[in-house]
């Protein structure tokens, strides 16, 4: 597929890599890159050969620096509400509703909406040289693109307030320590680590992973009794997949399973 501001590649192992590709402006989000990212995520949802997704910032200094403020300055009288509903919220919804694991590969700064996009992934792997910053308050704004939802759930309400109200830099190592991200690895090992993790995810029973992703998300808005019921329903659905049957058969035959994501 051909895009102007992102790169899109699918490996033989079923891993789709979406690379933000505006390094000259630290992968800042403008109208076009937002629409291209949404299109790529829709493709990932439709293509059954794709079983895991990596959202990458490429090789530049930033994973994503957030909103392209220069573009915003040229749009006189623009509505921030409409901008968010057009560019950011649909992207987050696509990421969270995608029934496939998404890994954010963060090699540099993830700031503002860029930080939010990383947190919207299922797993965040960051280089030890990277950092995260909720910079909205520095220009008199509040967190958007899902940060007000994801961050408190990851690090707690008090720490989320401190991070957002100060706009300070959170190093990758601190982010891992406080539960904001899953992994902090040496920069030189980032690509190998992400490749191995993504390939492993793609080889797993991805139909079950999709159900797992949805189940865990629903736990935030349902009580225990409701979740017990949902576990039973989702287990029924998982039990009817090819991968479940293959997993059981492989166990009985004492061999490695060959999951197909269905």
Protein backbone atom coordinates (compact mmCIF):
# COMPACT_ATOMS: atom_id res chain seq x y z
CA UNK A 1 0.00 0.00 0.00
CA UNK A 2 1.21 3.50 -0.80
CA UNK A 3 1.00 6.37 1.68
CA UNK A 4 2.73 9.74 1.94
CA UNK A 5 3.31 9.99 5.67
CA UNK A 6 3.36 6.40 6.92
CA UNK A 7 5.05 3.20 5.84
CA UNK A 8 3.06 -0.04 5.82
CA UNK A 9 4.62 -3.47 5.66
CA UNK A 10 3.44 -7.02 6.38
CA UNK A 11 5.95 -9.75 7.17
CA UNK A 12 5.72 -13.38 6.15
CA UNK A 13 4.92 -14.15 9.80
CA UNK A 14 1.78 -12.00 9.70
CA UNK A 15 3.14 -8.93 11.50
CA UNK A 16 1.99 -5.59 10.08
CA UNK A 17 4.31 -2.68 10.84
CA UNK A 18 2.85 0.81 10.61
CA UNK A 19 5.66 3.37 10.71
CA UNK A 20 4.94 7.06 11.25
CA UNK A 21 7.11 8.75 8.64
CA UNK A 22 7.39 12.50 9.15
CA UNK A 23 10.80 12.55 10.87
CA UNK A 24 11.48 16.15 9.84
CA UNK A 25 8.68 17.27 12.22
CA UNK A 26 9.13 14.49 14.80
CA UNK A 27 6.19 12.54 13.35
CA UNK A 28 3.76 15.31 14.31
CA UNK A 29 0.16 14.47 13.48
CA UNK A 30 -1.51 16.44 10.72
CA UNK A 31 -4.75 15.75 8.89
CA UNK A 32 -3.17 13.47 6.32
CA UNK A 33 -1.12 11.26 8.59
CA UNK A 34 -4.17 10.80 10.83
CA UNK A 35 -6.30 9.62 7.92
CA UNK A 36 -3.53 7.36 6.63
CA UNK A 37 -3.07 5.80 10.07
CA UNK A 38 -6.78 5.14 10.34
CA UNK A 39 -6.81 3.56 6.89
CA UNK A 40 -3.88 1.30 7.76
CA UNK A 41 -5.56 0.18 10.99
CA UNK A 42 -8.74 -0.65 9.07
CA UNK A 43 -6.65 -2.75 6.68
CA UNK A 44 -5.15 -4.59 9.65
CA UNK A 45 -8.64 -5.39 10.84
CA UNK A 46 -9.82 -6.71 7.48
CA UNK A 47 -6.76 -8.70 6.41
CA UNK A 48 -6.92 -12.16 7.98
CA UNK A 49 -3.24 -12.73 7.17
CA UNK A 50 -2.33 -9.99 9.65
CA UNK A 51 -2.19 -11.38 13.18
CA UNK A 52 -0.21 -8.72 15.08
CA UNK A 53 0.56 -5.03 14.57
CA UNK A 54 3.57 -2.89 15.42
CA UNK A 55 3.10 0.87 15.57
CA UNK A 56 6.55 2.38 15.11
CA UNK A 57 8.15 5.80 15.15
CA UNK A 58 10.85 4.73 12.72
CA UNK A 59 14.48 5.70 13.19
CA UNK A 60 14.10 9.39 14.02
CA UNK A 61 14.29 11.23 17.33
CA UNK A 62 10.57 10.91 18.05
CA UNK A 63 7.95 8.21 18.17
CA UNK A 64 5.42 11.01 17.81
CA UNK A 65 5.49 14.59 19.08
CA UNK A 66 1.69 14.93 19.02
CA UNK A 67 -0.38 17.51 17.20
CA UNK A 68 1.22 19.43 14.33
CA UNK A 69 0.91 22.87 15.91
CA UNK A 70 2.00 24.64 12.73
CA UNK A 71 -0.89 23.13 10.82
CA UNK A 72 -3.27 24.08 13.63
CA UNK A 73 -2.06 27.68 13.58
CA UNK A 74 -3.10 28.01 9.94
CA UNK A 75 -6.65 26.82 10.62
CA UNK A 76 -8.28 29.98 11.94
CA UNK A 77 -11.35 29.47 14.09
CA UNK A 78 -11.00 25.70 14.05
CA UNK A 79 -12.90 23.63 16.60
CA UNK A 80 -10.66 21.48 18.77
CA UNK A 81 -13.65 19.22 19.42
CA UNK A 82 -14.12 18.58 15.72
CA UNK A 83 -10.40 18.09 15.19
CA UNK A 84 -10.22 15.49 17.96
CA UNK A 85 -13.32 13.68 16.71
CA UNK A 86 -11.91 13.61 13.18
CA UNK A 87 -8.25 12.78 13.77
CA UNK A 88 -7.64 11.27 17.19
CA UNK A 89 -10.71 9.58 18.63
CA UNK A 90 -11.36 7.40 15.57
CA UNK A 91 -7.72 6.25 15.68
CA UNK A 92 -7.96 5.25 19.34
CA UNK A 93 -11.25 3.44 18.74
CA UNK A 94 -9.72 1.51 15.86
CA UNK A 95 -6.74 0.51 18.00
CA UNK A 96 -8.81 -0.64 20.95
CA UNK A 97 -11.41 -2.43 18.83
CA UNK A 98 -8.85 -4.21 16.67
CA UNK A 99 -9.08 -7.93 17.64
CA UNK A 100 -5.32 -8.29 17.25
CA UNK A 101 -2.45 -7.30 19.55
CA UNK A 102 -0.82 -3.91 18.93
CA UNK A 103 2.74 -3.24 20.09
CA UNK A 104 3.96 0.36 20.25
CA UNK A 105 7.68 0.56 19.44
CA UNK A 106 8.89 3.79 21.03
CA UNK A 107 12.44 4.77 20.10
CA UNK A 108 12.29 8.45 21.02
CA UNK A 109 10.02 11.08 22.49
CA UNK A 110 6.32 10.28 22.78
CA UNK A 111 4.64 13.56 23.66
CA UNK A 112 1.09 14.86 23.84
CA UNK A 113 -1.16 12.89 21.52
CA UNK A 114 1.91 10.83 20.63
CA UNK A 115 2.12 9.66 24.24
CA UNK A 116 -1.59 8.90 24.12
CA UNK A 117 -1.23 6.81 20.96
CA UNK A 118 1.50 4.75 22.59
CA UNK A 119 -0.65 4.13 25.67
CA UNK A 120 -3.55 3.04 23.45
CA UNK A 121 -1.49 0.06 22.29
CA UNK A 122 -1.73 -3.29 24.06
CA UNK A 123 1.98 -3.38 24.83
CA UNK A 124 4.53 -0.57 24.82
CA UNK A 125 8.21 -1.36 24.27
CA UNK A 126 10.50 1.64 24.64
CA UNK A 127 14.22 2.21 24.18
CA UNK A 128 15.99 3.27 27.35
CA UNK A 129 16.72 6.60 25.65
CA UNK A 130 13.02 7.33 25.05
CA UNK A 131 10.69 9.36 27.22
CA UNK A 132 7.00 10.15 27.56
CA UNK A 133 5.41 13.53 28.24
CA UNK A 134 1.80 14.65 28.64
CA UNK A 135 2.56 18.14 27.36
CA UNK A 136 -1.02 19.36 26.95
CA UNK A 137 -0.92 21.55 30.07
CA UNK A 138 2.10 23.45 28.71
CA UNK A 139 -0.19 25.08 26.14
CA UNK A 140 -3.18 25.32 28.46
CA UNK A 141 -4.97 22.18 27.27
CA UNK A 142 -6.13 18.94 28.87
CA UNK A 143 -5.09 15.40 27.88
CA UNK A 144 -6.87 13.90 24.90
CA UNK A 145 -6.56 10.93 22.52
CA UNK A 146 -7.41 8.63 25.42
CA UNK A 147 -4.75 9.67 27.93
CA UNK A 148 -7.33 10.60 30.58
CA UNK A 149 -8.60 7.01 30.32
CA UNK A 150 -5.43 4.97 29.92
CA UNK A 151 -2.97 6.77 32.19
CA UNK A 152 -4.92 6.62 35.50
CA UNK A 153 -5.64 2.95 34.91
CA UNK A 154 -1.97 2.24 34.33
CA UNK A 155 -0.33 4.31 37.07
CA UNK A 156 -3.13 5.38 39.42
CA UNK A 157 -5.06 8.64 39.77
CA UNK A 158 -2.55 10.59 41.87
CA UNK A 159 0.45 9.79 39.71
CA UNK A 160 -1.53 10.44 36.52
CA UNK A 161 -2.47 13.88 37.85
CA UNK A 162 1.14 14.65 38.72
CA UNK A 163 2.39 13.61 35.26
CA UNK A 164 -0.33 15.52 33.42
CA UNK A 165 -0.33 18.66 35.57
CA UNK A 166 3.44 19.14 35.36
CA UNK A 167 3.97 18.03 31.77
CA UNK A 168 7.29 16.59 32.88
CA UNK A 169 9.34 14.00 31.05
CA UNK A 170 8.88 10.41 32.19
CA UNK A 171 11.90 8.35 31.21
CA UNK A 172 11.34 4.91 29.74
CA UNK A 173 12.89 3.29 32.78
CA UNK A 174 10.56 5.18 35.15
CA UNK A 175 7.61 4.44 32.87
CA UNK A 176 8.32 0.73 33.20
CA UNK A 177 8.78 0.95 36.96
CA UNK A 178 5.40 2.65 37.50
CA UNK A 179 3.52 0.35 35.12
CA UNK A 180 3.03 2.89 32.36
CA UNK A 181 4.72 0.65 29.78
CA UNK A 182 5.53 -3.05 29.57
CA UNK A 183 9.20 -3.02 28.58
CA UNK A 184 12.23 -0.72 28.62
CA UNK A 185 15.17 -2.15 26.67
CA UNK A 186 18.58 -0.88 25.54
CA UNK A 187 18.19 1.20 22.38
CA UNK A 188 20.51 -1.10 20.44
CA UNK A 189 18.23 -4.05 21.26
CA UNK A 190 14.88 -2.38 20.56
CA UNK A 191 14.28 -3.72 17.06
CA UNK A 192 15.29 -7.28 17.87
CA UNK A 193 13.14 -7.27 21.01
CA UNK A 194 10.08 -5.89 19.20
CA UNK A 195 10.51 -8.24 16.23
CA UNK A 196 10.70 -11.27 18.51
CA UNK A 197 7.72 -10.14 20.59
CA UNK A 198 5.56 -9.34 17.55
CA UNK A 199 6.43 -12.60 15.79
CA UNK A 200 5.61 -14.50 18.97
CA UNK A 201 2.26 -12.73 19.26
CA UNK A 202 1.46 -13.49 15.62
CA UNK A 203 2.17 -17.18 16.21
CA UNK A 204 -0.24 -17.40 19.13
CA UNK A 205 -3.99 -18.18 18.96
CA UNK A 206 -4.86 -14.67 17.85
CA UNK A 207 -8.61 -15.28 17.77
CA UNK A 208 -8.33 -15.97 21.49
CA UNK A 209 -6.07 -12.94 21.96
CA UNK A 210 -8.75 -10.77 20.35
CA UNK A 211 -11.35 -12.07 22.79
CA UNK A 212 -8.90 -11.61 25.68
CA UNK A 213 -8.25 -7.99 24.64
CA UNK A 214 -11.97 -7.24 24.60
CA UNK A 215 -12.62 -9.05 27.88
CA UNK A 216 -9.94 -7.15 29.79
CA UNK A 217 -11.19 -3.81 28.47
CA UNK A 218 -14.73 -4.56 29.58
CA UNK A 219 -13.55 -5.27 33.12
CA UNK A 220 -13.21 -1.52 33.75
CA UNK A 221 -16.91 -0.86 33.28
CA UNK A 222 -18.51 -4.03 34.69
CA UNK A 223 -18.81 -5.54 38.16
CA UNK A 224 -17.66 -9.00 39.20
CA UNK A 225 -20.95 -10.76 38.46
CA UNK A 226 -21.08 -9.22 34.99
CA UNK A 227 -17.48 -10.22 34.30
CA UNK A 228 -18.09 -13.80 35.44
CA UNK A 229 -20.91 -13.97 32.90
CA UNK A 230 -18.76 -12.42 30.18
CA UNK A 231 -15.93 -14.86 30.92
CA UNK A 232 -18.32 -17.74 30.39
CA UNK A 233 -19.64 -16.27 27.14
CA UNK A 234 -16.20 -15.47 25.76
CA UNK A 235 -14.89 -18.87 26.80
CA UNK A 236 -17.71 -20.46 24.86
CA UNK A 237 -16.66 -18.47 21.79
CA UNK A 238 -12.97 -19.30 22.28
CA UNK A 239 -13.82 -22.97 22.71
CA UNK A 240 -15.29 -23.07 19.22
CA UNK A 241 -12.15 -21.81 17.48
CA UNK A 242 -9.77 -23.91 15.41
CA UNK A 243 -6.92 -22.79 17.64
CA UNK A 244 -8.55 -24.24 20.76
CA UNK A 245 -9.01 -27.60 19.07
CA UNK A 246 -5.44 -27.46 17.76
CA UNK A 247 -4.08 -26.56 21.18
CA UNK A 248 -5.82 -29.50 22.84
CA UNK A 249 -4.76 -31.92 20.09
CA UNK A 250 -1.16 -30.72 20.27
CA UNK A 251 -1.17 -31.26 24.04
CA UNK A 252 -2.49 -34.81 23.64
CA UNK A 253 0.07 -35.56 20.94
CA UNK A 254 2.87 -33.92 22.94
CA UNK A 255 3.88 -31.54 20.14
CA UNK A 256 4.03 -27.79 19.57
CA UNK A 257 0.68 -26.36 18.41
CA UNK A 258 0.30 -24.72 15.02
CA UNK A 259 -2.17 -21.93 15.59
CA UNK A 260 -3.85 -20.23 12.62
CA UNK A 261 -5.64 -17.34 14.29
CA UNK A 262 -9.12 -18.70 13.71
